[in-house]
Amino acid sequence: MIKQSALKPDNAAFRETVPAGEYFLKVVKAGQTVRILDLEGNQAADTLFYNAHNPSERYSAADTIREQGNVYLTAGSRLMSSENNVMLEITADTCGRHDTLGGACAAESNTTRYALEKKCMHACRDSWLVAVTEHEELGMTKRDITHNINFFMNVPVTADGGLTFADGISDAGKYVELEAKMDVLVMISNCPQLNNPCNGWNPTPIEVLVWS
């Protein structure tokens, strides 16, 4: 569902541009709103959410899909945790739908889906591993990298129940906005994938804004 935001970028308390292939890590407090902005269009933003005070509670795709009865996320979707608590709610969305089934690219999936020589290409899982390694204070390891959301990514469900990675439906300037219902650790990999059309074969920057 397309829903515009009333928030103005000039009033944001925080904003940061995230280059393609890099990670973003920030705590968003309860009541704050975070916007993920697709600057150039067709750029997937693979995102993980955790309870900022207890990272063992994290975003759950299964619980979110069950609660809303829809495999796609858009304005009005409530993102549920592994403890069945509401973590965030999508309050604005100019893209229309977002994927939570396709998972994140990794050395293993690049090898399986594409070719053996693709194994060493940079992937979202690599970015998250760098993030937790560089932030030991979080007490997180690779075991904590679980369900993610692929904002702006187009992963249609086929008639026989399969998934396909299709050309994106986002465009330059489209965004998704989420209001935090608890203190949330936001971890984004700005996807570096070059082997499918999720980034239009050309990964580009995104911008993250936060309003208090």
C-alpha atoms as a PDB file:
ATOM      1  CA  MET A   1       0.000   0.000   0.000  1.00  0.00           C
ATOM      2  CA  ILE A   2       1.439   3.344  -1.027  1.00  0.00           C
ATOM      3  CA  LYS A   3       1.423   5.875   1.796  1.00  0.00           C
ATOM      4  CA  GLN A   4       3.339   9.140   1.831  1.00  0.00           C
ATOM      5  CA  SER A   5       5.093  10.488   4.910  1.00  0.00           C
ATOM      6  CA  ALA A   6       4.488  13.874   6.488  1.00  0.00           C
ATOM      7  CA  LEU A   7       8.049  13.972   7.891  1.00  0.00           C
ATOM      8  CA  LYS A   8      10.506  16.460   6.391  1.00  0.00           C
ATOM      9  CA  PRO A   9      14.143  15.448   5.791  1.00  0.00           C
ATOM     10  CA  ASP A  10      15.370  18.839   7.034  1.00  0.00           C
ATOM     11  CA  ASN A  11      13.877  18.045  10.452  1.00  0.00           C
ATOM     12  CA  ALA A  12      15.600  14.660  10.817  1.00  0.00           C
ATOM     13  CA  ALA A  13      17.767  14.270  13.913  1.00  0.00           C
ATOM     14  CA  PHE A  14      20.111  11.926  12.053  1.00  0.00           C
ATOM     15  CA  ARG A  15      20.937  11.108   8.453  1.00  0.00           C
ATOM     16  CA  GLU A  16      23.671   9.025   6.870  1.00  0.00           C
ATOM     17  CA  THR A  17      24.449   7.810   3.369  1.00  0.00           C
ATOM     18  CA  VAL A  18      25.388   4.123   3.192  1.00  0.00           C
ATOM     19  CA  PRO A  19      27.527   3.145   0.170  1.00  0.00           C
ATOM     20  CA  ALA A  20      26.729  -0.043  -1.740  1.00  0.00           C
ATOM     21  CA  GLY A  21      28.312  -3.061  -0.062  1.00  0.00           C
ATOM     22  CA  GLU A  22      28.659  -1.349   3.340  1.00  0.00           C
ATOM     23  CA  TYR A  23      26.768  -1.893   6.582  1.00  0.00           C
ATOM     24  CA  PHE A  24      24.762   0.471   8.776  1.00  0.00           C
ATOM     25  CA  LEU A  25      24.313  -0.045  12.520  1.00  0.00           C
ATOM     26  CA  LYS A  26      22.308   2.152  14.888  1.00  0.00           C
ATOM     27  CA  VAL A  27      19.942   1.962  17.844  1.00  0.00           C
ATOM     28  CA  VAL A  28      16.558   3.542  17.122  1.00  0.00           C
ATOM     29  CA  LYS A  29      14.691   4.374  20.314  1.00  0.00           C
ATOM     30  CA  ALA A  30      11.040   3.553  20.978  1.00  0.00           C
ATOM     31  CA  GLY A  31       8.885   6.270  19.430  1.00  0.00           C
ATOM     32  CA  GLN A  32      11.506   7.305  16.884  1.00  0.00           C
ATOM     33  CA  THR A  33      10.952   6.872  13.155  1.00  0.00           C
ATOM     34  CA  VAL A  34      13.590   5.558  10.757  1.00  0.00           C
ATOM     35  CA  ARG A  35      13.420   6.040   6.983  1.00  0.00           C
ATOM     36  CA  ILE A  36      15.371   3.935   4.479  1.00  0.00           C
ATOM     37  CA  LEU A  37      15.659   5.879   1.233  1.00  0.00           C
ATOM     38  CA  ASP A  38      16.487   4.323  -2.138  1.00  0.00           C
ATOM     39  CA  LEU A  39      18.567   7.140  -3.612  1.00  0.00           C
ATOM     40  CA  GLU A  40      19.014   5.934  -7.193  1.00  0.00           C
ATOM     41  CA  GLY A  41      16.386   3.203  -7.504  1.00  0.00           C
ATOM     42  CA  ASN A  42      16.321  -0.591  -7.624  1.00  0.00           C
ATOM     43  CA  GLN A  43      18.612  -1.022  -4.608  1.00  0.00           C
ATOM     44  CA  ALA A  44      17.942  -3.765  -2.063  1.00  0.00           C
ATOM     45  CA  ALA A  45      18.524  -2.931   1.614  1.00  0.00           C
ATOM     46  CA  ASP A  46      18.859  -6.203   3.552  1.00  0.00           C
ATOM     47  CA  THR A  47      17.874  -5.408   7.119  1.00  0.00           C
ATOM     48  CA  LEU A  48      17.987  -7.115  10.521  1.00  0.00           C
ATOM     49  CA  PHE A  49      16.246  -5.850  13.672  1.00  0.00           C
ATOM     50  CA  TYR A  50      17.063  -6.742  17.294  1.00  0.00           C
ATOM     51  CA  ASN A  51      15.827  -5.749  20.734  1.00  0.00           C
ATOM     52  CA  ALA A  52      18.555  -3.246  21.616  1.00  0.00           C
ATOM     53  CA  HIS A  53      18.683  -4.506  25.211  1.00  0.00           C
ATOM     54  CA  ASN A  54      18.473  -8.219  24.439  1.00  0.00           C
ATOM     55  CA  PRO A  55      19.651  -9.172  20.930  1.00  0.00           C
ATOM     56  CA  SER A  56      18.432 -12.743  21.417  1.00  0.00           C
ATOM     57  CA  GLU A  57      15.006 -11.226  20.704  1.00  0.00           C
ATOM     58  CA  ARG A  58      15.046 -10.361  17.039  1.00  0.00           C
ATOM     59  CA  TYR A  59      12.853  -9.904  13.969  1.00  0.00           C
ATOM     60  CA  SER A  60      10.908 -13.028  13.054  1.00  0.00           C
ATOM     61  CA  ALA A  61       9.711 -13.443   9.471  1.00  0.00           C
ATOM     62  CA  ALA A  62       7.515 -16.400  10.448  1.00  0.00           C
ATOM     63  CA  ASP A  63       5.693 -14.533  13.226  1.00  0.00           C
ATOM     64  CA  THR A  64       5.317 -11.399  11.105  1.00  0.00           C
ATOM     65  CA  ILE A  65       3.825 -13.310   8.169  1.00  0.00           C
ATOM     66  CA  ARG A  66       1.473 -15.226  10.456  1.00  0.00           C
ATOM     67  CA  GLU A  67       0.216 -12.133  12.264  1.00  0.00           C
ATOM     68  CA  GLN A  68      -0.503 -10.118   9.126  1.00  0.00           C
ATOM     69  CA  GLY A  69      -1.484 -12.979   6.801  1.00  0.00           C
ATOM     70  CA  ASN A  70       0.685 -11.663   3.988  1.00  0.00           C
ATOM     71  CA  VAL A  71       4.164 -12.569   2.747  1.00  0.00           C
ATOM     72  CA  TYR A  72       4.869  -8.977   1.651  1.00  0.00           C
ATOM     73  CA  LEU A  73       5.441  -5.979   3.901  1.00  0.00           C
ATOM     74  CA  THR A  74       4.068  -2.488   3.337  1.00  0.00           C
ATOM     75  CA  ALA A  75       2.430   0.445   5.154  1.00  0.00           C
ATOM     76  CA  GLY A  76       0.521  -0.882   8.158  1.00  0.00           C
ATOM     77  CA  SER A  77       2.658  -4.012   8.555  1.00  0.00           C
ATOM     78  CA  ARG A  78       3.766  -4.693  12.119  1.00  0.00           C
ATOM     79  CA  LEU A  79       7.137  -6.378  12.414  1.00  0.00           C
ATOM     80  CA  MET A  80       7.032  -9.079  15.074  1.00  0.00           C
ATOM     81  CA  SER A  81       9.891 -10.403  17.176  1.00  0.00           C
ATOM     82  CA  SER A  82      10.853 -13.956  18.017  1.00  0.00           C
ATOM     83  CA  GLU A  83       9.032 -13.342  21.337  1.00  0.00           C
ATOM     84  CA  ASN A  84       5.896 -12.254  19.454  1.00  0.00           C
ATOM     85  CA  ASN A  85       6.300  -8.608  20.457  1.00  0.00           C
ATOM     86  CA  VAL A  86       5.790  -5.740  18.033  1.00  0.00           C
ATOM     87  CA  MET A  87       9.202  -4.300  17.184  1.00  0.00           C
ATOM     88  CA  LEU A  88       8.295  -1.713  14.545  1.00  0.00           C
ATOM     89  CA  GLU A  89       5.388  -0.654  12.367  1.00  0.00           C
ATOM     90  CA  ILE A  90       5.720   0.520   8.773  1.00  0.00           C
ATOM     91  CA  THR A  91       4.090   3.948   8.837  1.00  0.00           C
ATOM     92  CA  ALA A  92       4.900   5.130   5.306  1.00  0.00           C
ATOM     93  CA  ASP A  93       5.903   3.368   2.107  1.00  0.00           C
ATOM     94  CA  THR A  94       6.258   4.780  -1.405  1.00  0.00           C
ATOM     95  CA  CYS A  95       7.543   1.544  -2.946  1.00  0.00           C
ATOM     96  CA  GLY A  96       4.498  -0.628  -2.233  1.00  0.00           C
ATOM     97  CA  ARG A  97       5.856  -3.937  -1.017  1.00  0.00           C
ATOM     98  CA  HIS A  98       8.981  -5.501   0.446  1.00  0.00           C
ATOM     99  CA  ASP A  99      10.290  -9.059   0.651  1.00  0.00           C
ATOM    100  CA  THR A 100      10.871 -11.127   3.788  1.00  0.00           C
ATOM    101  CA  LEU A 101      11.217 -14.599   2.236  1.00  0.00           C
ATOM    102  CA  GLY A 102      14.202 -14.382  -0.118  1.00  0.00           C
ATOM    103  CA  GLY A 103      16.874 -14.172   2.576  1.00  0.00           C
ATOM    104  CA  ALA A 104      20.246 -12.514   2.197  1.00  0.00           C
ATOM    105  CA  CYS A 105      23.008 -13.244  -0.263  1.00  0.00           C
ATOM    106  CA  ALA A 106      25.973 -15.202   1.077  1.00  0.00           C
ATOM    107  CA  ALA A 107      29.013 -17.046  -0.248  1.00  0.00           C
ATOM    108  CA  GLU A 108      27.072 -20.299  -0.037  1.00  0.00           C
ATOM    109  CA  SER A 109      23.979 -19.065  -1.890  1.00  0.00           C
ATOM    110  CA  ASN A 110      26.089 -17.295  -4.535  1.00  0.00           C
ATOM    111  CA  THR A 111      27.867 -20.597  -5.188  1.00  0.00           C
ATOM    112  CA  THR A 112      24.667 -22.662  -5.261  1.00  0.00           C
ATOM    113  CA  ARG A 113      22.599 -20.275  -7.364  1.00  0.00           C
ATOM    114  CA  TYR A 114      25.188 -18.935  -9.779  1.00  0.00           C
ATOM    115  CA  ALA A 115      28.647 -20.565 -10.072  1.00  0.00           C
ATOM    116  CA  LEU A 116      31.584 -21.829  -8.037  1.00  0.00           C
ATOM    117  CA  GLU A 117      33.670 -18.811  -8.994  1.00  0.00           C
ATOM    118  CA  LYS A 118      31.040 -16.515  -7.404  1.00  0.00           C
ATOM    119  CA  LYS A 119      31.812 -17.822  -3.902  1.00  0.00           C
ATOM    120  CA  CYS A 120      34.231 -15.036  -3.009  1.00  0.00           C
ATOM    121  CA  MET A 121      32.078 -12.167  -4.221  1.00  0.00           C
ATOM    122  CA  HIS A 122      31.072  -9.795  -1.435  1.00  0.00           C
ATOM    123  CA  ALA A 123      27.643 -10.595   0.038  1.00  0.00           C
ATOM    124  CA  CYS A 124      25.222  -9.220   2.638  1.00  0.00           C
ATOM    125  CA  ARG A 125      26.100 -11.897   5.175  1.00  0.00           C
ATOM    126  CA  ASP A 126      29.729 -10.773   4.923  1.00  0.00           C
ATOM    127  CA  SER A 127      28.713  -7.188   5.752  1.00  0.00           C
ATOM    128  CA  TRP A 128      26.781  -8.315   8.825  1.00  0.00           C
ATOM    129  CA  LEU A 129      29.704 -10.481   9.975  1.00  0.00           C
ATOM    130  CA  VAL A 130      31.979  -7.446   9.687  1.00  0.00           C
ATOM    131  CA  ALA A 131      29.460  -5.397  11.691  1.00  0.00           C
ATOM    132  CA  VAL A 132      29.283  -7.806  14.635  1.00  0.00           C
ATOM    133  CA  THR A 133      33.063  -8.345  14.549  1.00  0.00           C
ATOM    134  CA  GLU A 134      33.767  -4.610  14.658  1.00  0.00           C
ATOM    135  CA  HIS A 135      31.248  -4.114  17.485  1.00  0.00           C
ATOM    136  CA  GLU A 136      32.202  -6.685  20.102  1.00  0.00           C
ATOM    137  CA  GLU A 137      30.263  -4.692  22.710  1.00  0.00           C
ATOM    138  CA  LEU A 138      27.073  -6.112  21.218  1.00  0.00           C
ATOM    139  CA  GLY A 139      28.041  -9.637  22.260  1.00  0.00           C
ATOM    140  CA  MET A 140      26.773 -10.961  18.937  1.00  0.00           C
ATOM    141  CA  THR A 141      28.200 -13.611  16.608  1.00  0.00           C
ATOM    142  CA  LYS A 142      27.277 -15.170  13.271  1.00  0.00           C
ATOM    143  CA  ARG A 143      24.676 -17.259  15.132  1.00  0.00           C
ATOM    144  CA  ASP A 144      22.684 -14.054  15.639  1.00  0.00           C
ATOM    145  CA  ILE A 145      22.303 -13.409  11.904  1.00  0.00           C
ATOM    146  CA  THR A 146      18.886 -14.862  11.142  1.00  0.00           C
ATOM    147  CA  HIS A 147      15.687 -13.662   9.404  1.00  0.00           C
ATOM    148  CA  ASN A 148      15.985 -10.442   7.450  1.00  0.00           C
ATOM    149  CA  ILE A 149      13.827  -8.096   5.420  1.00  0.00           C
ATOM    150  CA  ASN A 150      14.822  -7.135   1.874  1.00  0.00           C
ATOM    151  CA  PHE A 151      13.492  -3.611   1.580  1.00  0.00           C
ATOM    152  CA  PHE A 152      12.835  -2.582  -2.060  1.00  0.00           C
ATOM    153  CA  MET A 153      13.558  -6.113  -3.319  1.00  0.00           C
ATOM    154  CA  ASN A 154      11.115  -7.843  -5.666  1.00  0.00           C
ATOM    155  CA  VAL A 155      10.793 -11.591  -4.932  1.00  0.00           C
ATOM    156  CA  PRO A 156       7.520 -12.811  -6.482  1.00  0.00           C
ATOM    157  CA  VAL A 157       5.957 -16.047  -5.255  1.00  0.00           C
ATOM    158  CA  THR A 158       5.288 -18.316  -8.236  1.00  0.00           C
ATOM    159  CA  ALA A 159       2.095 -20.290  -8.856  1.00  0.00           C
ATOM    160  CA  ASP A 160       3.767 -23.481  -7.635  1.00  0.00           C
ATOM    161  CA  GLY A 161       4.978 -21.845  -4.412  1.00  0.00           C
ATOM    162  CA  GLY A 162       8.537 -21.073  -5.469  1.00  0.00           C
ATOM    163  CA  LEU A 163      10.443 -17.789  -5.330  1.00  0.00           C
ATOM    164  CA  THR A 164      12.003 -15.799  -8.144  1.00  0.00           C
ATOM    165  CA  PHE A 165      14.380 -12.843  -8.018  1.00  0.00           C
ATOM    166  CA  ALA A 166      12.870 -10.297 -10.381  1.00  0.00           C
ATOM    167  CA  ASP A 167      13.606  -6.803 -11.578  1.00  0.00           C
ATOM    168  CA  GLY A 168      13.003  -4.274  -8.807  1.00  0.00           C
ATOM    169  CA  ILE A 169       9.848  -2.205  -8.387  1.00  0.00           C
ATOM    170  CA  SER A 170      11.548   0.662  -6.576  1.00  0.00           C
ATOM    171  CA  ASP A 171      12.731   3.903  -8.130  1.00  0.00           C
ATOM    172  CA  ALA A 172      14.955   6.822  -7.202  1.00  0.00           C
ATOM    173  CA  GLY A 173      13.619   8.627  -4.140  1.00  0.00           C
ATOM    174  CA  LYS A 174      11.307   5.875  -2.922  1.00  0.00           C
ATOM    175  CA  TYR A 175      11.406   5.107   0.785  1.00  0.00           C
ATOM    176  CA  VAL A 176       9.997   3.065   3.614  1.00  0.00           C
ATOM    177  CA  GLU A 177       9.461   4.466   7.100  1.00  0.00           C
ATOM    178  CA  LEU A 178       9.160   2.520  10.354  1.00  0.00           C
ATOM    179  CA  GLU A 179       8.193   3.643  13.844  1.00  0.00           C
ATOM    180  CA  ALA A 180      10.014   1.773  16.609  1.00  0.00           C
ATOM    181  CA  LYS A 181       7.776   0.229  19.269  1.00  0.00           C
ATOM    182  CA  MET A 182      10.764  -0.731  21.409  1.00  0.00           C
ATOM    183  CA  ASP A 183      14.424   0.275  21.439  1.00  0.00           C
ATOM    184  CA  VAL A 184      15.656  -1.465  18.285  1.00  0.00           C
ATOM    185  CA  LEU A 185      19.114  -2.184  16.939  1.00  0.00           C
ATOM    186  CA  VAL A 186      18.960  -1.679  13.175  1.00  0.00           C
ATOM    187  CA  MET A 187      21.558  -3.507  11.088  1.00  0.00           C
ATOM    188  CA  ILE A 188      21.475  -2.947   7.329  1.00  0.00           C
ATOM    189  CA  SER A 189      23.583  -4.421   4.565  1.00  0.00           C
ATOM    190  CA  ASN A 190      23.307  -2.224   1.504  1.00  0.00           C
ATOM    191  CA  CYS A 191      23.291  -5.185  -0.864  1.00  0.00           C
ATOM    192  CA  PRO A 192      26.328  -5.662  -3.141  1.00  0.00           C
ATOM    193  CA  GLN A 193      24.714  -8.434  -5.237  1.00  0.00           C
ATOM    194  CA  LEU A 194      25.712  -8.431  -8.926  1.00  0.00           C
ATOM    195  CA  ASN A 195      24.338 -11.825  -9.985  1.00  0.00           C
ATOM    196  CA  ASN A 196      20.600 -11.106 -10.091  1.00  0.00           C
ATOM    197  CA  PRO A 197      18.458  -8.046 -10.886  1.00  0.00           C
ATOM    198  CA  CYS A 198      17.653  -7.129  -7.249  1.00  0.00           C
ATOM    199  CA  ASN A 199      20.011  -4.132  -7.560  1.00  0.00           C
ATOM    200  CA  GLY A 200      19.510  -3.556 -11.271  1.00  0.00           C
ATOM    201  CA  TRP A 201      22.956  -5.150 -11.806  1.00  0.00           C
ATOM    202  CA  ASN A 202      24.439  -1.943 -10.364  1.00  0.00           C
ATOM    203  CA  PRO A 203      24.505  -1.554  -6.537  1.00  0.00           C
ATOM    204  CA  THR A 204      24.054   2.067  -5.419  1.00  0.00           C
ATOM    205  CA  PRO A 205      23.929   4.045  -2.124  1.00  0.00           C
ATOM    206  CA  ILE A 206      20.961   4.376   0.219  1.00  0.00           C
ATOM    207  CA  GLU A 207      20.274   6.977   2.896  1.00  0.00           C
ATOM    208  CA  VAL A 208      19.032   6.386   6.437  1.00  0.00           C
ATOM    209  CA  LEU A 209      17.215   9.133   8.350  1.00  0.00           C
ATOM    210  CA  VAL A 210      15.890   9.148  11.925  1.00  0.00           C
ATOM    211  CA  TRP A 211      13.342  11.486  13.508  1.00  0.00           C
ATOM    212  CA  SER A 212      12.908  11.793  17.265  1.00  0.00           C
END
